[in-house]
Amino acid sequence: MSFTMYSTPWCGYCHRLSGQLDREGISYDVVDIEQHPEAAQVVEQVNNGNQTVPTLVYADGSAQTNPSLKQVKEKLASLAS
């Protein structure tokens, strides 16, 4: 997996981004922070105590909160180089 998307079932932004990623053929893992409290803590650490989703965490430990598809593609390209 190139990154993990922390999400909730009711998050419209999460659904939109995952649909865009799927259409682009970009692989990722999804973790529902409502089902996994330890994942909610990861999201809170990245977002100053807030459970803001989608939060993406990359293999290098960096993170993006509610990024655009373009931002995700740019980040993945920088990790590949």
N, C-alpha and C. Protein backbone atom coordinates (compact mmCIF):
# COMPACT_ATOMS: atom_id res chain seq x y z
N MET A 1 0.84 -1.20 0.00
CA MET A 1 0.00 0.00 0.00
C MET A 1 0.88 1.26 0.00
N SER A 2 0.47 2.22 -0.74
CA SER A 2 1.25 3.45 -0.82
C SER A 2 0.91 4.40 0.33
N PHE A 3 -0.29 4.30 0.86
CA PHE A 3 -0.68 5.11 2.01
C PHE A 3 -1.93 4.54 2.65
N THR A 4 -2.24 5.06 3.83
CA THR A 4 -3.46 4.68 4.53
C THR A 4 -4.37 5.89 4.61
N MET A 5 -5.64 5.69 4.26
CA MET A 5 -6.64 6.74 4.39
C MET A 5 -7.47 6.45 5.63
N TYR A 6 -7.45 7.38 6.58
CA TYR A 6 -8.30 7.28 7.75
C TYR A 6 -9.60 7.98 7.43
N SER A 7 -10.71 7.29 7.70
CA SER A 7 -12.00 7.71 7.18
C SER A 7 -13.12 7.38 8.16
N THR A 8 -14.33 7.81 7.82
CA THR A 8 -15.56 7.37 8.50
C THR A 8 -16.58 7.03 7.41
N PRO A 9 -17.56 6.20 7.73
CA PRO A 9 -18.55 5.82 6.71
C PRO A 9 -19.41 6.99 6.22
N TRP A 10 -19.57 8.02 7.04
CA TRP A 10 -20.48 9.12 6.71
C TRP A 10 -19.76 10.32 6.10
N CYS A 11 -18.45 10.23 5.87
CA CYS A 11 -17.66 11.37 5.41
C CYS A 11 -17.76 11.51 3.89
N GLY A 12 -18.42 12.57 3.45
CA GLY A 12 -18.56 12.83 2.02
C GLY A 12 -17.24 13.09 1.33
N TYR A 13 -16.34 13.81 1.99
CA TYR A 13 -15.03 14.09 1.41
C TYR A 13 -14.24 12.78 1.22
N CYS A 14 -14.39 11.86 2.17
CA CYS A 14 -13.71 10.57 2.08
C CYS A 14 -14.22 9.78 0.88
N HIS A 15 -15.55 9.75 0.71
CA HIS A 15 -16.15 9.03 -0.42
C HIS A 15 -15.70 9.63 -1.75
N ARG A 16 -15.66 10.95 -1.83
CA ARG A 16 -15.25 11.61 -3.06
C ARG A 16 -13.80 11.26 -3.39
N LEU A 17 -12.90 11.40 -2.42
CA LEU A 17 -11.49 11.13 -2.66
C LEU A 17 -11.26 9.66 -3.00
N SER A 18 -11.91 8.75 -2.28
CA SER A 18 -11.69 7.33 -2.57
C SER A 18 -12.19 6.99 -3.97
N GLY A 19 -13.29 7.59 -4.42
CA GLY A 19 -13.77 7.38 -5.77
C GLY A 19 -12.77 7.86 -6.81
N GLN A 20 -12.18 9.03 -6.56
CA GLN A 20 -11.18 9.57 -7.48
C GLN A 20 -9.94 8.68 -7.52
N LEU A 21 -9.49 8.23 -6.36
CA LEU A 21 -8.31 7.37 -6.29
C LEU A 21 -8.57 6.05 -7.01
N ASP A 22 -9.76 5.49 -6.80
CA ASP A 22 -10.13 4.23 -7.47
C ASP A 22 -10.12 4.39 -8.98
N ARG A 23 -10.67 5.48 -9.48
CA ARG A 23 -10.70 5.73 -10.93
C ARG A 23 -9.30 5.88 -11.50
N GLU A 24 -8.37 6.40 -10.70
CA GLU A 24 -6.98 6.59 -11.14
C GLU A 24 -6.15 5.31 -10.97
N GLY A 25 -6.72 4.31 -10.32
CA GLY A 25 -5.99 3.05 -10.10
C GLY A 25 -4.94 3.15 -9.02
N ILE A 26 -5.10 4.09 -8.10
CA ILE A 26 -4.15 4.28 -7.01
C ILE A 26 -4.56 3.39 -5.83
N SER A 27 -3.64 2.55 -5.39
CA SER A 27 -3.95 1.63 -4.29
C SER A 27 -3.69 2.30 -2.95
N TYR A 28 -4.52 1.94 -1.98
CA TYR A 28 -4.41 2.50 -0.63
C TYR A 28 -5.18 1.60 0.31
N ASP A 29 -4.95 1.79 1.58
CA ASP A 29 -5.65 1.06 2.62
C ASP A 29 -6.59 2.04 3.31
N VAL A 30 -7.76 1.56 3.73
CA VAL A 30 -8.73 2.42 4.41
C VAL A 30 -8.93 1.90 5.83
N VAL A 31 -8.91 2.83 6.79
CA VAL A 31 -9.18 2.48 8.19
C VAL A 31 -10.31 3.38 8.68
N ASP A 32 -11.39 2.76 9.17
CA ASP A 32 -12.53 3.48 9.73
C ASP A 32 -12.21 3.83 11.18
N ILE A 33 -12.05 5.13 11.46
CA ILE A 33 -11.64 5.54 12.81
C ILE A 33 -12.74 5.32 13.84
N GLU A 34 -13.98 5.13 13.40
CA GLU A 34 -15.05 4.83 14.36
C GLU A 34 -14.97 3.37 14.81
N GLN A 35 -14.42 2.50 13.98
CA GLN A 35 -14.29 1.08 14.32
C GLN A 35 -12.96 0.77 15.02
N HIS A 36 -12.00 1.67 14.87
CA HIS A 36 -10.65 1.44 15.41
C HIS A 36 -10.19 2.66 16.20
N PRO A 37 -10.47 2.69 17.51
CA PRO A 37 -10.12 3.85 18.34
C PRO A 37 -8.64 4.23 18.27
N GLU A 38 -7.75 3.23 18.11
CA GLU A 38 -6.32 3.54 18.02
C GLU A 38 -6.03 4.35 16.75
N ALA A 39 -6.79 4.12 15.70
CA ALA A 39 -6.64 4.89 14.46
C ALA A 39 -7.11 6.33 14.67
N ALA A 40 -8.15 6.51 15.46
CA ALA A 40 -8.63 7.86 15.76
C ALA A 40 -7.53 8.66 16.46
N GLN A 41 -6.74 7.99 17.30
CA GLN A 41 -5.63 8.67 17.98
C GLN A 41 -4.57 9.12 16.98
N VAL A 42 -4.32 8.32 15.95
CA VAL A 42 -3.36 8.72 14.91
C VAL A 42 -3.85 9.98 14.23
N VAL A 43 -5.13 10.01 13.88
CA VAL A 43 -5.72 11.17 13.20
C VAL A 43 -5.64 12.40 14.10
N GLU A 44 -5.93 12.24 15.38
CA GLU A 44 -5.86 13.36 16.32
C GLU A 44 -4.44 13.90 16.43
N GLN A 45 -3.45 13.02 16.44
CA GLN A 45 -2.05 13.48 16.53
C GLN A 45 -1.67 14.32 15.32
N VAL A 46 -2.14 13.93 14.15
CA VAL A 46 -1.82 14.65 12.91
C VAL A 46 -2.56 15.99 12.84
N ASN A 47 -3.76 16.05 13.42
CA ASN A 47 -4.65 17.20 13.25
C ASN A 47 -4.91 17.98 14.52
N ASN A 48 -3.89 18.13 15.35
CA ASN A 48 -3.99 18.97 16.56
C ASN A 48 -5.17 18.62 17.45
N GLY A 49 -5.40 17.32 17.63
CA GLY A 49 -6.46 16.87 18.52
C GLY A 49 -7.81 16.68 17.86
N ASN A 50 -7.93 17.01 16.58
CA ASN A 50 -9.21 16.87 15.86
C ASN A 50 -9.26 15.57 15.09
N GLN A 51 -10.45 15.01 14.99
CA GLN A 51 -10.66 13.80 14.20
C GLN A 51 -11.11 14.20 12.79
N THR A 52 -10.24 14.86 12.07
CA THR A 52 -10.55 15.35 10.73
C THR A 52 -10.22 14.28 9.70
N VAL A 53 -11.21 13.93 8.89
CA VAL A 53 -11.01 12.94 7.84
C VAL A 53 -11.48 13.51 6.50
N PRO A 54 -10.93 13.05 5.39
CA PRO A 54 -9.90 12.02 5.32
C PRO A 54 -8.53 12.55 5.71
N THR A 55 -7.82 11.73 6.47
CA THR A 55 -6.42 11.98 6.76
C THR A 55 -5.63 10.84 6.13
N LEU A 56 -4.64 11.20 5.32
CA LEU A 56 -3.80 10.22 4.65
C LEU A 56 -2.44 10.21 5.31
N VAL A 57 -1.94 9.01 5.63
CA VAL A 57 -0.61 8.86 6.20
C VAL A 57 0.20 7.99 5.24
N TYR A 58 1.35 8.50 4.85
CA TYR A 58 2.20 7.86 3.85
C TYR A 58 3.28 7.01 4.51
N ALA A 59 3.93 6.18 3.70
CA ALA A 59 4.96 5.27 4.19
C ALA A 59 6.11 6.00 4.87
N ASP A 60 6.37 7.24 4.47
CA ASP A 60 7.47 8.00 5.08
C ASP A 60 7.07 8.68 6.38
N GLY A 61 5.80 8.47 6.81
CA GLY A 61 5.32 9.05 8.06
C GLY A 61 4.66 10.41 7.91
N SER A 62 4.74 11.00 6.72
CA SER A 62 4.09 12.29 6.49
C SER A 62 2.59 12.08 6.33
N ALA A 63 1.83 13.18 6.44
CA ALA A 63 0.38 13.09 6.38
C ALA A 63 -0.21 14.28 5.63
N GLN A 64 -1.42 14.06 5.09
CA GLN A 64 -2.20 15.13 4.48
C GLN A 64 -3.63 15.00 5.00
N THR A 65 -4.25 16.14 5.23
CA THR A 65 -5.64 16.15 5.68
C THR A 65 -6.50 16.74 4.58
N ASN A 66 -7.52 15.98 4.19
CA ASN A 66 -8.47 16.37 3.14
C ASN A 66 -7.75 16.90 1.89
N PRO A 67 -6.80 16.12 1.35
CA PRO A 67 -6.08 16.59 0.17
C PRO A 67 -6.91 16.42 -1.10
N SER A 68 -6.53 17.16 -2.12
CA SER A 68 -7.12 16.96 -3.44
C SER A 68 -6.44 15.76 -4.10
N LEU A 69 -7.05 15.24 -5.15
CA LEU A 69 -6.42 14.17 -5.91
C LEU A 69 -5.06 14.62 -6.43
N LYS A 70 -4.97 15.85 -6.89
CA LYS A 70 -3.71 16.39 -7.40
C LYS A 70 -2.64 16.37 -6.31
N GLN A 71 -2.99 16.78 -5.10
CA GLN A 71 -2.02 16.78 -3.99
C GLN A 71 -1.54 15.37 -3.68
N VAL A 72 -2.46 14.40 -3.72
CA VAL A 72 -2.09 13.01 -3.45
C VAL A 72 -1.12 12.52 -4.53
N LYS A 73 -1.44 12.79 -5.78
CA LYS A 73 -0.58 12.34 -6.88
C LYS A 73 0.80 12.98 -6.79
N GLU A 74 0.86 14.27 -6.44
CA GLU A 74 2.15 14.94 -6.29
C GLU A 74 2.95 14.32 -5.16
N LYS A 75 2.30 14.00 -4.06
CA LYS A 75 2.99 13.39 -2.91
C LYS A 75 3.53 12.02 -3.28
N LEU A 76 2.71 11.22 -3.95
CA LEU A 76 3.16 9.88 -4.36
C LEU A 76 4.33 9.97 -5.33
N ALA A 77 4.30 10.94 -6.22
CA ALA A 77 5.41 11.13 -7.17
C ALA A 77 6.69 11.51 -6.42
N SER A 78 6.56 12.35 -5.40
CA SER A 78 7.76 12.76 -4.65
C SER A 78 8.33 11.58 -3.85
N LEU A 79 7.46 10.68 -3.40
CA LEU A 79 7.93 9.52 -2.65
C LEU A 79 8.62 8.52 -3.57
N ALA A 80 8.20 8.49 -4.83
CA ALA A 80 8.75 7.54 -5.78
C ALA A 80 10.12 7.97 -6.31
N SER A 81 10.41 9.26 -6.18
CA SER A 81 11.68 9.75 -6.75
C SER A 81 12.82 9.69 -5.75
